[in-house]
Amino acid sequence: MSDQQLNNLIKMLDQIIANNLHQGDDDKVADVAADHLHKFWARSMKQQIITYANESPAELSALARSTIAKLKAVPE
């Protein structure tokens, strides 16, 4: 995966989170964002962001890490 692809995935994840901040608490925002990723992202995109989070979680926001953790818990 190229750095540009990864940067695009992180940017999209951050935008999805930002668009759902009105949901209220962080746990609800992460739930909604993870559901969005599960429904609309290709399996390869989900795997890339999960792999990145496993390798470099400090580079992601707390909400992004929470969202990815919830995404990992959803069965394909």
Protein backbone atom coordinates (compact mmCIF):
# COMPACT_ATOMS: atom_id res chain seq x y z
CA MET A 1 0.00 0.00 0.00
CA SER A 2 1.37 3.37 -0.93
CA ASP A 3 1.63 6.25 1.49
CA GLN A 4 -0.86 8.19 -0.62
CA GLN A 5 -3.45 5.39 -0.41
CA LEU A 6 -3.00 5.18 3.34
CA ASN A 7 -3.25 8.95 3.71
CA ASN A 8 -6.49 8.90 1.71
CA LEU A 9 -7.97 6.18 3.93
CA ILE A 10 -7.05 8.09 7.09
CA LYS A 11 -8.47 11.30 5.65
CA MET A 12 -11.73 9.55 4.71
CA LEU A 13 -11.97 7.96 8.16
CA ASP A 14 -11.44 11.33 9.82
CA GLN A 15 -14.12 12.90 7.58
CA ILE A 16 -16.62 10.15 8.42
CA ILE A 17 -15.95 10.70 12.11
CA ALA A 18 -16.25 14.50 11.75
CA ASN A 19 -19.55 14.11 9.90
CA ASN A 20 -20.95 12.10 12.79
CA LEU A 21 -19.83 14.16 15.76
CA HIS A 22 -23.44 15.31 16.14
CA GLN A 23 -24.27 11.77 17.34
CA GLY A 24 -23.20 12.77 20.83
CA ASP A 25 -20.68 10.83 22.86
CA ASP A 26 -17.51 9.36 21.40
CA ASP A 27 -18.71 5.77 21.75
CA LYS A 28 -21.79 6.46 19.62
CA VAL A 29 -19.70 8.33 17.02
CA ALA A 30 -17.32 5.37 16.78
CA ASP A 31 -20.26 2.94 16.45
CA VAL A 32 -21.79 4.92 13.59
CA ALA A 33 -18.45 5.41 11.84
CA ALA A 34 -17.55 1.71 12.15
CA ASP A 35 -20.95 0.76 10.74
CA HIS A 36 -20.35 3.09 7.80
CA LEU A 37 -16.94 1.54 7.10
CA HIS A 38 -18.39 -1.95 7.35
CA LYS A 39 -21.18 -1.17 4.91
CA PHE A 40 -19.42 1.02 2.36
CA TRP A 41 -15.70 0.36 2.34
CA ALA A 42 -14.23 -2.44 0.25
CA ARG A 43 -12.77 -5.35 2.18
CA SER A 44 -9.27 -4.33 1.04
CA MET A 45 -9.75 -0.79 2.39
CA LYS A 46 -10.93 -2.11 5.75
CA GLN A 47 -7.99 -4.50 5.95
CA GLN A 48 -5.51 -1.75 5.10
CA ILE A 49 -6.76 0.60 7.82
CA ILE A 50 -6.89 -2.25 10.37
CA THR A 51 -3.33 -3.29 9.52
CA TYR A 52 -2.17 0.30 9.84
CA ALA A 53 -3.91 0.68 13.20
CA ASN A 54 -2.23 -2.50 14.43
CA GLU A 55 1.19 -1.19 13.39
CA SER A 56 0.98 2.57 14.12
CA PRO A 57 -1.98 3.34 16.37
CA ALA A 58 -0.35 6.46 17.84
CA GLU A 59 -0.66 8.16 14.45
CA LEU A 60 -4.48 7.93 14.61
CA SER A 61 -6.87 10.01 16.68
CA ALA A 62 -8.51 8.40 19.68
CA LEU A 63 -11.84 8.30 17.83
CA ALA A 64 -10.21 6.72 14.79
CA ARG A 65 -8.62 4.03 16.96
CA SER A 66 -11.95 3.37 18.67
CA THR A 67 -13.74 3.19 15.32
CA ILE A 68 -11.21 0.71 13.94
CA ALA A 69 -11.44 -1.42 17.08
CA LYS A 70 -15.21 -1.59 16.62
CA LEU A 71 -14.76 -2.37 12.92
CA LYS A 72 -12.47 -5.29 13.79
CA ALA A 73 -15.19 -6.73 16.03
CA VAL A 74 -17.75 -6.86 13.19
CA PRO A 75 -17.76 -10.21 11.37
CA GLU A 76 -17.37 -10.05 7.62
